[in-house]
N, C-alpha and C. Protein backbone atom coordinates (compact mmCIF):
# COMPACT_ATOMS: atom_id res chain seq x y z
N MET A 1 0.84 -1.18 0.00
CA MET A 1 0.00 0.00 0.00
C MET A 1 0.88 1.24 0.00
N ALA A 2 0.53 2.17 -0.84
CA ALA A 2 1.22 3.44 -0.90
C ALA A 2 0.66 4.36 0.19
N THR A 3 1.47 5.28 0.63
CA THR A 3 1.00 6.25 1.62
C THR A 3 0.12 7.27 0.91
N PRO A 4 -1.08 7.51 1.45
CA PRO A 4 -1.96 8.47 0.78
C PRO A 4 -1.44 9.90 0.92
N THR A 5 -1.72 10.72 -0.09
CA THR A 5 -1.38 12.14 0.01
C THR A 5 -2.36 12.78 0.98
N ASN A 6 -1.99 13.94 1.49
CA ASN A 6 -2.91 14.66 2.37
C ASN A 6 -4.21 14.98 1.66
N LEU A 7 -4.13 15.34 0.37
CA LEU A 7 -5.33 15.68 -0.38
C LEU A 7 -6.26 14.47 -0.51
N THR A 8 -5.69 13.31 -0.81
CA THR A 8 -6.49 12.09 -0.91
C THR A 8 -7.15 11.78 0.42
N GLN A 9 -6.38 11.80 1.50
CA GLN A 9 -6.91 11.51 2.83
C GLN A 9 -7.99 12.53 3.21
N GLU A 10 -7.72 13.81 3.01
CA GLU A 10 -8.70 14.84 3.36
C GLU A 10 -9.97 14.71 2.53
N SER A 11 -9.83 14.40 1.25
CA SER A 11 -11.01 14.25 0.39
C SER A 11 -11.87 13.08 0.85
N LEU A 12 -11.23 11.97 1.13
CA LEU A 12 -11.98 10.79 1.56
C LEU A 12 -12.58 10.98 2.96
N PHE A 13 -11.82 11.56 3.86
CA PHE A 13 -12.34 11.78 5.21
C PHE A 13 -13.50 12.78 5.17
N GLY A 14 -13.36 13.83 4.35
CA GLY A 14 -14.45 14.80 4.19
C GLY A 14 -15.69 14.15 3.62
N ALA A 15 -15.51 13.22 2.68
CA ALA A 15 -16.65 12.51 2.11
C ALA A 15 -17.32 11.64 3.18
N ILE A 16 -16.52 11.00 4.02
CA ILE A 16 -17.10 10.22 5.12
C ILE A 16 -17.90 11.14 6.03
N ALA A 17 -17.35 12.32 6.34
CA ALA A 17 -18.05 13.27 7.22
C ALA A 17 -19.39 13.67 6.63
N ARG A 18 -19.45 13.88 5.32
CA ARG A 18 -20.72 14.25 4.68
C ARG A 18 -21.69 13.08 4.66
N LEU A 19 -21.18 11.90 4.32
CA LEU A 19 -22.05 10.73 4.20
C LEU A 19 -22.56 10.23 5.55
N ILE A 20 -21.76 10.35 6.57
CA ILE A 20 -22.13 9.81 7.88
C ILE A 20 -23.28 10.60 8.50
N ASN A 21 -23.51 11.81 7.98
CA ASN A 21 -24.66 12.59 8.45
C ASN A 21 -25.96 12.10 7.81
N LYS A 22 -25.84 11.30 6.76
CA LYS A 22 -27.02 10.80 6.04
C LYS A 22 -27.29 9.33 6.32
N LYS A 23 -26.26 8.58 6.69
CA LYS A 23 -26.40 7.13 6.90
C LYS A 23 -25.35 6.65 7.88
N SER A 24 -25.51 5.41 8.32
CA SER A 24 -24.53 4.88 9.27
C SER A 24 -23.22 4.58 8.54
N PHE A 25 -22.15 4.58 9.30
CA PHE A 25 -20.83 4.33 8.74
C PHE A 25 -20.78 2.98 8.02
N SER A 26 -21.38 1.98 8.60
CA SER A 26 -21.34 0.63 8.02
C SER A 26 -22.09 0.54 6.69
N ASP A 27 -22.94 1.50 6.40
CA ASP A 27 -23.70 1.50 5.14
C ASP A 27 -23.01 2.27 4.01
N ILE A 28 -21.85 2.85 4.29
CA ILE A 28 -21.12 3.60 3.26
C ILE A 28 -20.30 2.62 2.44
N SER A 29 -20.49 2.65 1.13
CA SER A 29 -19.73 1.76 0.24
C SER A 29 -18.53 2.50 -0.33
N VAL A 30 -17.55 1.74 -0.78
CA VAL A 30 -16.36 2.33 -1.40
C VAL A 30 -16.77 3.10 -2.65
N SER A 31 -17.68 2.56 -3.43
CA SER A 31 -18.14 3.24 -4.65
C SER A 31 -18.75 4.59 -4.33
N GLU A 32 -19.63 4.63 -3.34
CA GLU A 32 -20.28 5.87 -2.95
C GLU A 32 -19.25 6.86 -2.38
N LEU A 33 -18.36 6.36 -1.56
CA LEU A 33 -17.34 7.20 -0.93
C LEU A 33 -16.43 7.83 -1.98
N THR A 34 -15.94 7.03 -2.92
CA THR A 34 -15.03 7.57 -3.94
C THR A 34 -15.74 8.56 -4.85
N ARG A 35 -17.03 8.31 -5.13
CA ARG A 35 -17.80 9.25 -5.96
C ARG A 35 -17.94 10.60 -5.25
N VAL A 36 -18.32 10.57 -3.99
CA VAL A 36 -18.49 11.81 -3.22
C VAL A 36 -17.16 12.54 -3.05
N ALA A 37 -16.08 11.78 -2.88
CA ALA A 37 -14.75 12.37 -2.66
C ALA A 37 -14.10 12.84 -3.96
N GLY A 38 -14.60 12.36 -5.09
CA GLY A 38 -13.97 12.71 -6.37
C GLY A 38 -12.66 11.98 -6.58
N ILE A 39 -12.57 10.78 -6.03
CA ILE A 39 -11.36 9.95 -6.11
C ILE A 39 -11.74 8.67 -6.86
N SER A 40 -10.86 8.17 -7.68
CA SER A 40 -11.17 6.93 -8.40
C SER A 40 -11.01 5.73 -7.46
N ARG A 41 -11.71 4.66 -7.78
CA ARG A 41 -11.60 3.42 -6.99
C ARG A 41 -10.16 2.89 -7.01
N PRO A 42 -9.48 2.90 -8.18
CA PRO A 42 -8.08 2.43 -8.16
C PRO A 42 -7.19 3.27 -7.22
N THR A 43 -7.43 4.58 -7.19
CA THR A 43 -6.66 5.43 -6.26
C THR A 43 -6.97 5.04 -4.82
N PHE A 44 -8.24 4.81 -4.52
CA PHE A 44 -8.63 4.39 -3.18
C PHE A 44 -7.87 3.12 -2.79
N TYR A 45 -7.95 2.10 -3.66
CA TYR A 45 -7.34 0.81 -3.32
C TYR A 45 -5.81 0.83 -3.38
N ARG A 46 -5.24 1.84 -3.98
CA ARG A 46 -3.79 1.99 -3.97
C ARG A 46 -3.32 2.38 -2.57
N HIS A 47 -4.19 3.06 -1.83
CA HIS A 47 -3.82 3.60 -0.52
C HIS A 47 -4.47 2.90 0.67
N TYR A 48 -5.62 2.26 0.45
CA TYR A 48 -6.39 1.70 1.56
C TYR A 48 -6.91 0.31 1.20
N HIS A 49 -7.05 -0.53 2.22
CA HIS A 49 -7.69 -1.84 2.05
C HIS A 49 -9.21 -1.70 2.11
N ASN A 50 -9.66 -0.80 3.02
CA ASN A 50 -11.09 -0.62 3.24
C ASN A 50 -11.33 0.78 3.81
N ILE A 51 -12.58 1.11 4.01
CA ILE A 51 -12.93 2.45 4.49
C ILE A 51 -12.41 2.69 5.91
N MET A 52 -12.35 1.65 6.71
CA MET A 52 -11.85 1.79 8.09
C MET A 52 -10.40 2.30 8.10
N ASP A 53 -9.63 1.96 7.08
CA ASP A 53 -8.24 2.44 7.01
C ASP A 53 -8.17 3.96 6.97
N ILE A 54 -9.15 4.60 6.39
CA ILE A 54 -9.19 6.07 6.34
C ILE A 54 -9.30 6.62 7.75
N LEU A 55 -10.15 5.99 8.56
CA LEU A 55 -10.31 6.42 9.95
C LEU A 55 -9.05 6.16 10.76
N THR A 56 -8.38 5.05 10.48
CA THR A 56 -7.13 4.73 11.17
C THR A 56 -6.07 5.77 10.89
N VAL A 57 -5.95 6.20 9.64
CA VAL A 57 -4.99 7.25 9.28
C VAL A 57 -5.37 8.55 9.99
N ALA A 58 -6.66 8.89 10.01
CA ALA A 58 -7.11 10.12 10.67
C ALA A 58 -6.83 10.06 12.17
N LEU A 59 -7.05 8.91 12.77
CA LEU A 59 -6.81 8.74 14.20
C LEU A 59 -5.33 8.86 14.54
N THR A 60 -4.48 8.26 13.74
CA THR A 60 -3.04 8.36 13.95
C THR A 60 -2.57 9.80 13.80
N SER A 61 -3.08 10.48 12.81
CA SER A 61 -2.74 11.88 12.59
C SER A 61 -3.20 12.75 13.77
N LEU A 62 -4.40 12.48 14.28
CA LEU A 62 -4.92 13.21 15.43
C LEU A 62 -4.03 13.00 16.64
N GLN A 63 -3.60 11.76 16.88
CA GLN A 63 -2.73 11.48 18.02
C GLN A 63 -1.39 12.19 17.87
N GLN A 64 -0.82 12.17 16.68
CA GLN A 64 0.47 12.84 16.46
C GLN A 64 0.35 14.34 16.66
N ASP A 65 -0.74 14.91 16.19
CA ASP A 65 -0.97 16.35 16.38
C ASP A 65 -1.16 16.66 17.86
N PHE A 66 -1.86 15.80 18.57
CA PHE A 66 -2.06 15.97 20.01
C PHE A 66 -0.71 15.95 20.74
N GLN A 67 0.15 14.98 20.39
CA GLN A 67 1.47 14.89 21.00
C GLN A 67 2.29 16.15 20.75
N ALA A 68 2.16 16.73 19.58
CA ALA A 68 2.94 17.91 19.21
C ALA A 68 2.37 19.20 19.80
N THR A 69 1.12 19.17 20.22
CA THR A 69 0.43 20.38 20.64
C THR A 69 0.34 20.56 22.15
N VAL A 70 -0.03 19.51 22.85
CA VAL A 70 -0.35 19.62 24.27
C VAL A 70 0.88 19.31 25.12
N THR A 71 1.12 20.16 26.10
CA THR A 71 2.23 19.97 27.03
C THR A 71 1.69 20.08 28.46
N PHE A 72 2.47 19.67 29.43
CA PHE A 72 2.05 19.79 30.81
C PHE A 72 2.95 20.78 31.53
N HIS A 73 2.34 21.88 32.02
CA HIS A 73 3.04 22.84 32.86
C HIS A 73 2.36 22.90 34.22
N ASP A 74 1.05 23.06 34.18
CA ASP A 74 0.25 22.98 35.40
C ASP A 74 -1.09 22.37 35.00
N ASN A 75 -1.83 21.94 35.98
CA ASN A 75 -3.05 21.19 35.72
C ASN A 75 -4.07 21.98 34.89
N TYR A 76 -4.34 23.23 35.27
CA TYR A 76 -5.33 24.03 34.54
C TYR A 76 -4.93 24.20 33.07
N GLN A 77 -3.69 24.59 32.83
CA GLN A 77 -3.25 24.80 31.44
C GLN A 77 -3.29 23.51 30.63
N TYR A 78 -2.94 22.41 31.26
CA TYR A 78 -3.00 21.10 30.59
C TYR A 78 -4.44 20.77 30.19
N ILE A 79 -5.37 20.95 31.13
CA ILE A 79 -6.78 20.68 30.84
C ILE A 79 -7.27 21.61 29.74
N LEU A 80 -6.95 22.89 29.85
CA LEU A 80 -7.40 23.86 28.83
C LEU A 80 -6.82 23.53 27.46
N GLN A 81 -5.54 23.23 27.39
CA GLN A 81 -4.93 22.86 26.10
C GLN A 81 -5.62 21.65 25.50
N THR A 82 -5.94 20.67 26.33
CA THR A 82 -6.59 19.45 25.85
C THR A 82 -7.98 19.78 25.31
N ILE A 83 -8.74 20.58 26.04
CA ILE A 83 -10.07 20.98 25.59
C ILE A 83 -9.98 21.76 24.28
N LEU A 84 -9.08 22.73 24.22
CA LEU A 84 -8.94 23.53 23.00
C LEU A 84 -8.51 22.67 21.81
N PHE A 85 -7.65 21.70 22.05
CA PHE A 85 -7.24 20.80 20.97
C PHE A 85 -8.45 20.07 20.40
N PHE A 86 -9.24 19.49 21.27
CA PHE A 86 -10.40 18.72 20.79
C PHE A 86 -11.48 19.64 20.21
N GLN A 87 -11.59 20.84 20.72
CA GLN A 87 -12.52 21.79 20.12
C GLN A 87 -12.09 22.09 18.69
N HIS A 88 -10.81 22.30 18.49
CA HIS A 88 -10.28 22.58 17.15
C HIS A 88 -10.51 21.40 16.20
N HIS A 89 -10.44 20.19 16.72
CA HIS A 89 -10.57 18.97 15.91
C HIS A 89 -11.94 18.31 16.09
N HIS A 90 -12.94 19.10 16.47
CA HIS A 90 -14.25 18.51 16.79
C HIS A 90 -14.89 17.76 15.62
N THR A 91 -14.67 18.20 14.39
CA THR A 91 -15.26 17.51 13.24
C THR A 91 -14.67 16.11 13.12
N THR A 92 -13.35 16.00 13.23
CA THR A 92 -12.70 14.68 13.18
C THR A 92 -13.21 13.81 14.31
N VAL A 93 -13.29 14.37 15.50
CA VAL A 93 -13.75 13.61 16.66
C VAL A 93 -15.19 13.13 16.44
N GLN A 94 -16.06 14.00 15.96
CA GLN A 94 -17.45 13.62 15.75
C GLN A 94 -17.58 12.50 14.71
N VAL A 95 -16.80 12.58 13.63
CA VAL A 95 -16.84 11.52 12.62
C VAL A 95 -16.38 10.20 13.23
N LEU A 96 -15.29 10.24 13.99
CA LEU A 96 -14.79 9.02 14.62
C LEU A 96 -15.83 8.44 15.58
N LEU A 97 -16.50 9.29 16.33
CA LEU A 97 -17.51 8.81 17.26
C LEU A 97 -18.71 8.23 16.51
N GLN A 98 -19.15 8.91 15.46
CA GLN A 98 -20.30 8.41 14.68
C GLN A 98 -19.95 7.10 13.98
N ALA A 99 -18.68 6.89 13.72
CA ALA A 99 -18.25 5.65 13.07
C ALA A 99 -17.97 4.54 14.08
N GLY A 100 -18.28 4.79 15.34
CA GLY A 100 -18.10 3.77 16.37
C GLY A 100 -16.67 3.58 16.82
N GLN A 101 -15.85 4.62 16.69
CA GLN A 101 -14.43 4.52 17.02
C GLN A 101 -14.06 5.19 18.34
N GLU A 102 -15.01 5.31 19.25
CA GLU A 102 -14.74 5.98 20.52
C GLU A 102 -13.65 5.27 21.32
N THR A 103 -13.70 3.96 21.38
CA THR A 103 -12.69 3.21 22.13
C THR A 103 -11.31 3.40 21.52
N ALA A 104 -11.21 3.31 20.19
CA ALA A 104 -9.92 3.50 19.52
C ALA A 104 -9.40 4.91 19.76
N LEU A 105 -10.29 5.90 19.69
CA LEU A 105 -9.91 7.29 19.96
C LEU A 105 -9.40 7.42 21.38
N GLN A 106 -10.13 6.88 22.33
CA GLN A 106 -9.71 6.98 23.73
C GLN A 106 -8.37 6.30 23.97
N GLN A 107 -8.16 5.14 23.36
CA GLN A 107 -6.90 4.42 23.56
C GLN A 107 -5.73 5.20 22.99
N LYS A 108 -5.88 5.74 21.78
CA LYS A 108 -4.79 6.49 21.14
C LYS A 108 -4.44 7.73 21.96
N VAL A 109 -5.45 8.50 22.29
CA VAL A 109 -5.20 9.77 22.98
C VAL A 109 -4.80 9.54 24.43
N ALA A 110 -5.37 8.54 25.06
CA ALA A 110 -5.03 8.27 26.46
C ALA A 110 -3.56 7.90 26.62
N THR A 111 -2.98 7.28 25.60
CA THR A 111 -1.56 6.94 25.65
C THR A 111 -0.73 8.21 25.79
N THR A 112 -1.03 9.21 24.98
CA THR A 112 -0.31 10.48 25.05
C THR A 112 -0.62 11.22 26.33
N MET A 113 -1.89 11.22 26.73
CA MET A 113 -2.27 11.90 27.97
C MET A 113 -1.57 11.24 29.16
N ALA A 114 -1.42 9.94 29.12
CA ALA A 114 -0.74 9.24 30.21
C ALA A 114 0.71 9.68 30.31
N GLU A 115 1.38 9.80 29.18
CA GLU A 115 2.77 10.26 29.17
C GLU A 115 2.87 11.64 29.81
N LEU A 116 1.92 12.51 29.50
CA LEU A 116 1.92 13.85 30.08
C LEU A 116 1.61 13.81 31.58
N SER A 117 0.69 12.95 31.98
CA SER A 117 0.30 12.86 33.39
C SER A 117 1.45 12.40 34.28
N TYR A 118 2.33 11.57 33.74
CA TYR A 118 3.46 11.10 34.53
C TYR A 118 4.42 12.24 34.87
N GLN A 119 4.25 13.40 34.23
CA GLN A 119 5.09 14.56 34.52
C GLN A 119 4.60 15.33 35.75
N LYS A 120 3.41 15.00 36.24
CA LYS A 120 2.87 15.69 37.41
C LYS A 120 3.66 15.29 38.66
N ASN A 121 3.94 16.26 39.51
CA ASN A 121 4.65 15.99 40.75
C ASN A 121 3.90 14.99 41.63
N SER A 122 2.57 15.09 41.64
CA SER A 122 1.78 14.21 42.51
C SER A 122 1.90 12.75 42.09
N VAL A 123 2.19 12.48 40.84
CA VAL A 123 2.31 11.10 40.36
C VAL A 123 3.66 10.51 40.75
N ALA A 124 4.67 11.34 40.82
CA ALA A 124 6.02 10.86 41.15
C ALA A 124 6.07 10.21 42.53
N ALA A 125 5.21 10.62 43.43
CA ALA A 125 5.22 10.09 44.79
C ALA A 125 4.47 8.77 44.92
N LEU A 126 3.84 8.31 43.86
CA LEU A 126 3.04 7.09 43.91
C LEU A 126 3.86 5.87 43.50
N SER A 127 3.40 4.71 43.94
CA SER A 127 4.02 3.47 43.47
C SER A 127 3.68 3.31 41.99
N ASP A 128 4.35 2.39 41.32
CA ASP A 128 4.08 2.17 39.89
C ASP A 128 2.62 1.81 39.64
N LEU A 129 2.08 0.92 40.46
CA LEU A 129 0.69 0.50 40.28
C LEU A 129 -0.27 1.65 40.59
N GLU A 130 -0.01 2.40 41.66
CA GLU A 130 -0.86 3.55 41.98
C GLU A 130 -0.80 4.59 40.88
N ALA A 131 0.38 4.82 40.33
CA ALA A 131 0.54 5.79 39.23
C ALA A 131 -0.26 5.33 38.02
N GLN A 132 -0.22 4.06 37.73
CA GLN A 132 -0.99 3.53 36.59
C GLN A 132 -2.48 3.77 36.81
N TYR A 133 -2.99 3.47 38.01
CA TYR A 133 -4.40 3.70 38.31
C TYR A 133 -4.74 5.19 38.20
N TYR A 134 -3.91 6.02 38.79
CA TYR A 134 -4.14 7.47 38.77
C TYR A 134 -4.23 7.98 37.33
N VAL A 135 -3.26 7.60 36.52
CA VAL A 135 -3.19 8.08 35.14
C VAL A 135 -4.39 7.57 34.34
N THR A 136 -4.72 6.30 34.50
CA THR A 136 -5.87 5.74 33.78
C THR A 136 -7.15 6.47 34.18
N TYR A 137 -7.34 6.66 35.46
CA TYR A 137 -8.53 7.34 35.97
C TYR A 137 -8.65 8.75 35.41
N HIS A 138 -7.57 9.49 35.47
CA HIS A 138 -7.63 10.89 35.05
C HIS A 138 -7.68 11.07 33.54
N THR A 139 -6.92 10.27 32.82
CA THR A 139 -6.92 10.45 31.36
C THR A 139 -8.24 10.03 30.75
N THR A 140 -8.76 8.89 31.16
CA THR A 140 -10.04 8.46 30.57
C THR A 140 -11.18 9.34 31.04
N GLY A 141 -11.12 9.79 32.29
CA GLY A 141 -12.15 10.69 32.79
C GLY A 141 -12.16 12.02 32.06
N LEU A 142 -11.00 12.63 31.92
CA LEU A 142 -10.89 13.91 31.23
C LEU A 142 -11.35 13.79 29.79
N LEU A 143 -10.87 12.77 29.12
CA LEU A 143 -11.24 12.58 27.72
C LEU A 143 -12.74 12.32 27.57
N SER A 144 -13.32 11.53 28.47
CA SER A 144 -14.76 11.27 28.41
C SER A 144 -15.57 12.54 28.58
N VAL A 145 -15.18 13.39 29.51
CA VAL A 145 -15.89 14.65 29.72
C VAL A 145 -15.77 15.54 28.48
N ILE A 146 -14.59 15.61 27.89
CA ILE A 146 -14.40 16.46 26.70
C ILE A 146 -15.22 15.92 25.53
N LEU A 147 -15.25 14.62 25.33
CA LEU A 147 -16.05 14.05 24.25
C LEU A 147 -17.53 14.30 24.48
N ASP A 148 -17.97 14.19 25.73
CA ASP A 148 -19.36 14.49 26.07
C ASP A 148 -19.67 15.96 25.80
N TRP A 149 -18.75 16.84 26.14
CA TRP A 149 -18.89 18.28 25.92
C TRP A 149 -19.04 18.56 24.42
N ILE A 150 -18.23 17.91 23.60
CA ILE A 150 -18.33 18.08 22.15
C ILE A 150 -19.67 17.57 21.65
N ASN A 151 -20.07 16.37 22.09
CA ASN A 151 -21.35 15.79 21.66
C ASN A 151 -22.54 16.64 22.06
N ASN A 152 -22.42 17.38 23.16
CA ASN A 152 -23.51 18.24 23.63
C ASN A 152 -23.45 19.65 23.06
N GLY A 153 -22.62 19.87 22.06
CA GLY A 153 -22.56 21.17 21.40
C GLY A 153 -21.72 22.21 22.10
N GLN A 154 -20.82 21.79 22.98
CA GLN A 154 -19.91 22.70 23.67
C GLN A 154 -20.68 23.84 24.38
N PRO A 155 -21.54 23.47 25.35
CA PRO A 155 -22.43 24.45 25.97
C PRO A 155 -21.75 25.55 26.78
N GLU A 156 -20.54 25.33 27.23
CA GLU A 156 -19.82 26.40 27.92
C GLU A 156 -18.48 26.61 27.23
N SER A 157 -17.82 27.68 27.60
CA SER A 157 -16.53 27.99 26.97
C SER A 157 -15.49 26.96 27.42
N PRO A 158 -14.44 26.79 26.60
CA PRO A 158 -13.35 25.90 27.03
C PRO A 158 -12.75 26.32 28.37
N GLU A 159 -12.64 27.63 28.58
CA GLU A 159 -12.07 28.13 29.84
C GLU A 159 -12.96 27.78 31.03
N ALA A 160 -14.28 27.92 30.86
CA ALA A 160 -15.20 27.58 31.96
C ALA A 160 -15.13 26.09 32.28
N LEU A 161 -15.09 25.27 31.25
CA LEU A 161 -14.99 23.83 31.48
C LEU A 161 -13.66 23.48 32.14
N ALA A 162 -12.58 24.09 31.68
CA ALA A 162 -11.26 23.83 32.27
C ALA A 162 -11.22 24.24 33.74
N ARG A 163 -11.81 25.39 34.06
CA ARG A 163 -11.86 25.86 35.46
C ARG A 163 -12.63 24.86 36.32
N PHE A 164 -13.79 24.43 35.81
CA PHE A 164 -14.61 23.47 36.56
C PHE A 164 -13.84 22.18 36.80
N LEU A 165 -13.24 21.63 35.76
CA LEU A 165 -12.52 20.36 35.90
C LEU A 165 -11.30 20.50 36.81
N ASN A 166 -10.59 21.61 36.68
CA ASN A 166 -9.42 21.84 37.54
C ASN A 166 -9.85 21.99 39.00
N ASP A 167 -10.87 22.81 39.24
CA ASP A 167 -11.35 23.00 40.61
C ASP A 167 -11.87 21.69 41.19
N ASN A 168 -12.58 20.92 40.37
CA ASN A 168 -13.13 19.65 40.81
C ASN A 168 -12.02 18.68 41.19
N SER A 169 -10.98 18.63 40.39
CA SER A 169 -9.89 17.69 40.70
C SER A 169 -9.12 18.11 41.94
N ARG A 170 -9.00 19.41 42.16
CA ARG A 170 -8.31 19.87 43.38
C ARG A 170 -9.14 19.56 44.61
N GLN A 171 -10.46 19.72 44.53
CA GLN A 171 -11.32 19.40 45.67
C GLN A 171 -11.25 17.93 46.00
N PHE A 172 -11.16 17.10 44.99
CA PHE A 172 -11.12 15.66 45.18
C PHE A 172 -9.90 15.25 45.99
N TYR A 173 -8.81 15.98 45.84
CA TYR A 173 -7.57 15.58 46.50
C TYR A 173 -7.31 16.29 47.81
N LYS A 174 -8.29 17.02 48.33
CA LYS A 174 -8.10 17.61 49.65
C LYS A 174 -8.06 16.47 50.67
N PRO A 175 -7.17 16.57 51.63
CA PRO A 175 -7.10 15.51 52.64
C PRO A 175 -8.44 15.36 53.36
N MET A 176 -8.84 14.14 53.57
CA MET A 176 -10.09 13.86 54.28
C MET A 176 -9.82 14.00 55.78
N PRO A 177 -10.78 14.62 56.49
CA PRO A 177 -10.59 14.70 57.94
C PRO A 177 -10.66 13.31 58.56
N LYS A 178 -9.85 13.11 59.57
CA LYS A 178 -9.82 11.80 60.23
C LYS A 178 -11.03 11.67 61.11
N LYS A 179 -11.61 10.47 61.09
CA LYS A 179 -12.76 10.20 61.95
C LYS A 179 -12.27 10.04 63.38
N SER A 180 -13.07 10.58 64.28
CA SER A 180 -12.68 10.41 65.68
C SER A 180 -13.03 8.97 66.09
N GLU A 181 -12.19 8.43 66.93
CA GLU A 181 -12.42 7.06 67.37
C GLU A 181 -13.45 7.04 68.47
N GLU A 182 -14.38 6.11 68.31
CA GLU A 182 -15.39 5.96 69.36
C GLU A 182 -14.98 4.82 70.27
N GLY A 183 -15.26 4.97 71.56
CA GLY A 183 -14.82 4.02 72.55
C GLY A 183 -15.62 2.85 72.75
């Protein structure tokens, strides 16, 4: 398989985005997709085995862009950068979700988010297993909230959502008062 050009990938992904608003992903045929994209079937098969390969390329590209864009300096900025990234890529995210690729999206992005989370000072003090639990909990939770926010039409600003999530996570980690012992 040859590597698709950006134009070929964008044309086919754009065609999927248009078609998926009219029918389910599984009902899109290669013939229909290539016609809408203005790409010949031989060109399609030169670059892809099937339509799912287009989503795989888009997902890999999204992960690489995420890795290059989001950094960890402090919790609020990290959350805000993540929200802004997904807001910028909301069309790609929505197509992936409509195509039933939520798990694949979460796995790809959570890998990068986990790498960033290990840079937090609070994680350094944890055992390896505790750090794994912490990172899994926070990365999947944050990503799930952002995907839900996108699906609900982004009802509040990215900054408001980032403030809420940051404040919520700080409240969660306040030390619990010790229960007094009863005799």
